[in-house]
Amino acid sequence: MTQQTILVVDDEPPMRKLLASNLKASGYAVREATDGSEALKLIDEHPFDLLLLRRQHAWAERAPGAAGAQEECRHARPDPVSEGT
């Protein structure tokens, strides 16, 4: 079985590092992004099994061009289970 890869997106370093550390300790491969722009770059470069991000990021409201990042992430790799519901 291949190792599942998770992208953790959070603009607060302590929370991002805590999540990443716990996930790595549980056997997952983890990549980290500090904002939507960085997350979208990583999504374009690598397939992820799961994206973890806050529903309302501070950067989503203040960063130029990042307002739609959450929506982009949602459509980057649709969940076959929830797709069509």
N, C-alpha and C. Protein backbone atom coordinates (compact mmCIF):
# COMPACT_ATOMS: atom_id res chain seq x y z
N MET A 1 0.84 -1.18 0.00
CA MET A 1 0.00 0.00 0.00
C MET A 1 0.89 1.24 0.00
N THR A 2 0.52 2.22 -0.82
CA THR A 2 1.32 3.44 -0.89
C THR A 2 0.95 4.37 0.26
N GLN A 3 1.90 5.18 0.64
CA GLN A 3 1.69 6.13 1.73
C GLN A 3 0.78 7.25 1.26
N GLN A 4 -0.24 7.56 2.03
CA GLN A 4 -1.16 8.63 1.69
C GLN A 4 -0.51 9.98 1.99
N THR A 5 -0.78 10.95 1.12
CA THR A 5 -0.17 12.27 1.24
C THR A 5 -1.24 13.31 1.57
N ILE A 6 -0.93 14.13 2.58
CA ILE A 6 -1.85 15.15 3.06
C ILE A 6 -1.21 16.52 2.92
N LEU A 7 -1.98 17.48 2.44
CA LEU A 7 -1.53 18.87 2.37
C LEU A 7 -2.20 19.64 3.50
N VAL A 8 -1.38 20.22 4.38
CA VAL A 8 -1.87 21.02 5.49
C VAL A 8 -1.65 22.49 5.14
N VAL A 9 -2.74 23.27 5.11
CA VAL A 9 -2.67 24.69 4.78
C VAL A 9 -3.13 25.49 5.99
N ASP A 10 -2.23 26.29 6.52
CA ASP A 10 -2.57 27.14 7.66
C ASP A 10 -1.56 28.27 7.73
N ASP A 11 -2.06 29.47 7.95
CA ASP A 11 -1.17 30.63 8.02
C ASP A 11 -0.55 30.82 9.40
N GLU A 12 -0.95 30.00 10.36
CA GLU A 12 -0.37 30.07 11.70
C GLU A 12 0.64 28.93 11.87
N PRO A 13 1.94 29.26 11.88
CA PRO A 13 2.98 28.22 11.95
C PRO A 13 2.81 27.21 13.08
N PRO A 14 2.47 27.63 14.31
CA PRO A 14 2.34 26.61 15.37
C PRO A 14 1.26 25.57 15.07
N MET A 15 0.12 26.00 14.57
CA MET A 15 -0.96 25.06 14.26
C MET A 15 -0.58 24.16 13.10
N ARG A 16 0.01 24.75 12.05
CA ARG A 16 0.43 23.98 10.89
C ARG A 16 1.46 22.93 11.27
N LYS A 17 2.45 23.32 12.08
CA LYS A 17 3.51 22.40 12.49
C LYS A 17 2.95 21.29 13.38
N LEU A 18 2.02 21.62 14.28
CA LEU A 18 1.41 20.63 15.16
C LEU A 18 0.65 19.58 14.35
N LEU A 19 -0.17 20.04 13.43
CA LEU A 19 -0.92 19.12 12.58
C LEU A 19 0.03 18.24 11.76
N ALA A 20 1.01 18.86 11.13
CA ALA A 20 1.95 18.12 10.30
C ALA A 20 2.71 17.09 11.12
N SER A 21 3.16 17.47 12.29
CA SER A 21 3.92 16.57 13.15
C SER A 21 3.08 15.35 13.56
N ASN A 22 1.84 15.59 13.96
CA ASN A 22 0.97 14.48 14.37
C ASN A 22 0.64 13.56 13.20
N LEU A 23 0.41 14.14 12.04
CA LEU A 23 0.10 13.32 10.87
C LEU A 23 1.31 12.48 10.45
N LYS A 24 2.49 13.08 10.48
CA LYS A 24 3.72 12.34 10.14
C LYS A 24 3.93 11.20 11.12
N ALA A 25 3.70 11.45 12.40
CA ALA A 25 3.86 10.41 13.43
C ALA A 25 2.86 9.27 13.22
N SER A 26 1.76 9.56 12.54
CA SER A 26 0.75 8.54 12.25
C SER A 26 1.00 7.83 10.93
N GLY A 27 2.12 8.17 10.27
CA GLY A 27 2.51 7.46 9.07
C GLY A 27 2.14 8.09 7.74
N TYR A 28 1.65 9.31 7.77
CA TYR A 28 1.29 9.99 6.52
C TYR A 28 2.46 10.81 6.00
N ALA A 29 2.51 10.96 4.69
CA ALA A 29 3.42 11.92 4.08
C ALA A 29 2.69 13.26 4.13
N VAL A 30 3.39 14.30 4.54
CA VAL A 30 2.74 15.60 4.73
C VAL A 30 3.51 16.69 4.02
N ARG A 31 2.78 17.55 3.31
CA ARG A 31 3.34 18.77 2.74
C ARG A 31 2.61 19.92 3.42
N GLU A 32 3.27 21.07 3.50
CA GLU A 32 2.70 22.22 4.18
C GLU A 32 2.67 23.43 3.27
N ALA A 33 1.63 24.24 3.43
CA ALA A 33 1.51 25.51 2.71
C ALA A 33 1.02 26.56 3.69
N THR A 34 1.51 27.80 3.50
CA THR A 34 1.14 28.88 4.41
C THR A 34 -0.06 29.69 3.92
N ASP A 35 -0.41 29.55 2.64
CA ASP A 35 -1.55 30.31 2.11
C ASP A 35 -2.11 29.62 0.87
N GLY A 36 -3.18 30.20 0.34
CA GLY A 36 -3.85 29.60 -0.81
C GLY A 36 -3.00 29.54 -2.05
N SER A 37 -2.21 30.56 -2.29
CA SER A 37 -1.35 30.57 -3.48
C SER A 37 -0.34 29.44 -3.43
N GLU A 38 0.29 29.27 -2.28
CA GLU A 38 1.26 28.20 -2.12
C GLU A 38 0.57 26.83 -2.23
N ALA A 39 -0.61 26.72 -1.66
CA ALA A 39 -1.36 25.46 -1.72
C ALA A 39 -1.69 25.10 -3.16
N LEU A 40 -2.14 26.08 -3.94
CA LEU A 40 -2.49 25.80 -5.34
C LEU A 40 -1.27 25.37 -6.15
N LYS A 41 -0.11 25.95 -5.88
CA LYS A 41 1.12 25.53 -6.57
C LYS A 41 1.43 24.07 -6.25
N LEU A 42 1.33 23.73 -4.98
CA LEU A 42 1.62 22.35 -4.58
C LEU A 42 0.63 21.37 -5.18
N ILE A 43 -0.65 21.77 -5.24
CA ILE A 43 -1.68 20.91 -5.83
C ILE A 43 -1.38 20.66 -7.30
N ASP A 44 -0.89 21.67 -7.99
CA ASP A 44 -0.54 21.51 -9.40
C ASP A 44 0.66 20.58 -9.59
N GLU A 45 1.55 20.53 -8.59
CA GLU A 45 2.78 19.74 -8.70
C GLU A 45 2.64 18.30 -8.20
N HIS A 46 1.75 18.07 -7.24
CA HIS A 46 1.66 16.77 -6.58
C HIS A 46 0.20 16.36 -6.37
N PRO A 47 -0.08 15.08 -6.48
CA PRO A 47 -1.43 14.63 -6.10
C PRO A 47 -1.51 14.48 -4.57
N PHE A 48 -2.61 14.88 -3.99
CA PHE A 48 -2.82 14.74 -2.56
C PHE A 48 -4.06 13.90 -2.31
N ASP A 49 -4.00 13.10 -1.26
CA ASP A 49 -5.15 12.30 -0.88
C ASP A 49 -6.13 13.09 -0.02
N LEU A 50 -5.59 14.11 0.68
CA LEU A 50 -6.43 14.90 1.56
C LEU A 50 -5.85 16.30 1.70
N LEU A 51 -6.72 17.30 1.71
CA LEU A 51 -6.32 18.69 1.96
C LEU A 51 -6.94 19.10 3.29
N LEU A 52 -6.11 19.61 4.19
CA LEU A 52 -6.61 20.14 5.46
C LEU A 52 -6.40 21.64 5.47
N LEU A 53 -7.51 22.39 5.57
CA LEU A 53 -7.42 23.82 5.64
C LEU A 53 -8.61 24.36 6.42
N ARG A 54 -8.41 25.51 7.00
CA ARG A 54 -9.50 26.14 7.74
C ARG A 54 -10.59 26.59 6.80
N ARG A 55 -11.80 26.49 7.26
CA ARG A 55 -12.92 26.91 6.41
C ARG A 55 -12.84 28.38 6.08
N GLN A 56 -12.46 29.19 7.05
CA GLN A 56 -12.33 30.62 6.80
C GLN A 56 -10.94 31.07 7.17
N HIS A 57 -10.06 31.03 6.21
CA HIS A 57 -8.68 31.49 6.40
C HIS A 57 -8.63 33.01 6.39
N ALA A 58 -7.78 33.56 7.20
CA ALA A 58 -7.57 35.01 7.18
C ALA A 58 -7.07 35.44 5.81
N TRP A 59 -6.20 34.63 5.19
CA TRP A 59 -5.65 35.01 3.89
C TRP A 59 -6.70 35.01 2.79
N ALA A 60 -7.79 34.26 2.97
CA ALA A 60 -8.82 34.19 1.93
C ALA A 60 -9.51 35.54 1.75
N GLU A 61 -9.49 36.34 2.79
CA GLU A 61 -10.15 37.64 2.70
C GLU A 61 -9.19 38.76 2.35
N ARG A 62 -7.90 38.61 2.67
CA ARG A 62 -7.00 39.75 2.49
C ARG A 62 -5.98 39.57 1.37
N ALA A 63 -5.71 38.35 0.95
CA ALA A 63 -4.67 38.14 -0.06
C ALA A 63 -5.24 38.35 -1.46
N PRO A 64 -4.55 39.13 -2.29
CA PRO A 64 -5.02 39.33 -3.66
C PRO A 64 -5.06 38.01 -4.43
N GLY A 65 -6.19 37.74 -5.04
CA GLY A 65 -6.32 36.54 -5.86
C GLY A 65 -6.55 35.27 -5.08
N ALA A 66 -6.59 35.33 -3.77
CA ALA A 66 -6.74 34.12 -2.97
C ALA A 66 -8.18 33.88 -2.53
N ALA A 67 -9.07 34.81 -2.83
CA ALA A 67 -10.45 34.67 -2.36
C ALA A 67 -11.10 33.38 -2.83
N GLY A 68 -10.74 32.92 -4.00
CA GLY A 68 -11.34 31.69 -4.51
C GLY A 68 -10.49 30.46 -4.30
N ALA A 69 -9.45 30.56 -3.50
CA ALA A 69 -8.53 29.43 -3.32
C ALA A 69 -9.21 28.21 -2.72
N GLN A 70 -10.09 28.43 -1.76
CA GLN A 70 -10.78 27.30 -1.15
C GLN A 70 -11.64 26.59 -2.18
N GLU A 71 -12.33 27.35 -3.01
CA GLU A 71 -13.14 26.73 -4.05
C GLU A 71 -12.28 25.98 -5.04
N GLU A 72 -11.13 26.55 -5.40
CA GLU A 72 -10.20 25.87 -6.30
C GLU A 72 -9.73 24.56 -5.69
N CYS A 73 -9.40 24.59 -4.40
CA CYS A 73 -8.95 23.37 -3.72
C CYS A 73 -10.06 22.33 -3.72
N ARG A 74 -11.28 22.77 -3.53
CA ARG A 74 -12.41 21.85 -3.50
C ARG A 74 -12.54 21.10 -4.82
N HIS A 75 -12.24 21.78 -5.92
CA HIS A 75 -12.40 21.17 -7.24
C HIS A 75 -11.12 20.57 -7.79
N ALA A 76 -10.00 20.74 -7.07
CA ALA A 76 -8.73 20.24 -7.56
C ALA A 76 -8.74 18.72 -7.70
N ARG A 77 -9.36 18.07 -6.78
CA ARG A 77 -9.43 16.61 -6.82
C ARG A 77 -10.73 16.20 -6.14
N PRO A 78 -11.82 16.10 -6.91
CA PRO A 78 -13.13 15.82 -6.32
C PRO A 78 -13.14 14.49 -5.57
N ASP A 79 -13.89 14.47 -4.50
CA ASP A 79 -14.09 13.26 -3.71
C ASP A 79 -15.13 12.39 -4.40
N PRO A 80 -14.74 11.18 -4.83
CA PRO A 80 -15.70 10.34 -5.56
C PRO A 80 -16.89 9.94 -4.69
N VAL A 81 -16.74 9.96 -3.37
CA VAL A 81 -17.84 9.60 -2.49
C VAL A 81 -18.88 10.71 -2.42
N SER A 82 -18.41 11.96 -2.25
CA SER A 82 -19.36 13.06 -2.11
C SER A 82 -19.76 13.67 -3.44
N GLU A 83 -19.04 13.34 -4.49
CA GLU A 83 -19.37 13.88 -5.81
C GLU A 83 -20.74 13.37 -6.21
N GLY A 84 -21.60 14.26 -6.59
CA GLY A 84 -22.93 13.87 -7.00
C GLY A 84 -23.94 13.88 -5.87
N THR A 85 -23.51 14.26 -4.66
CA THR A 85 -24.48 14.35 -3.56
C THR A 85 -24.96 15.76 -3.41
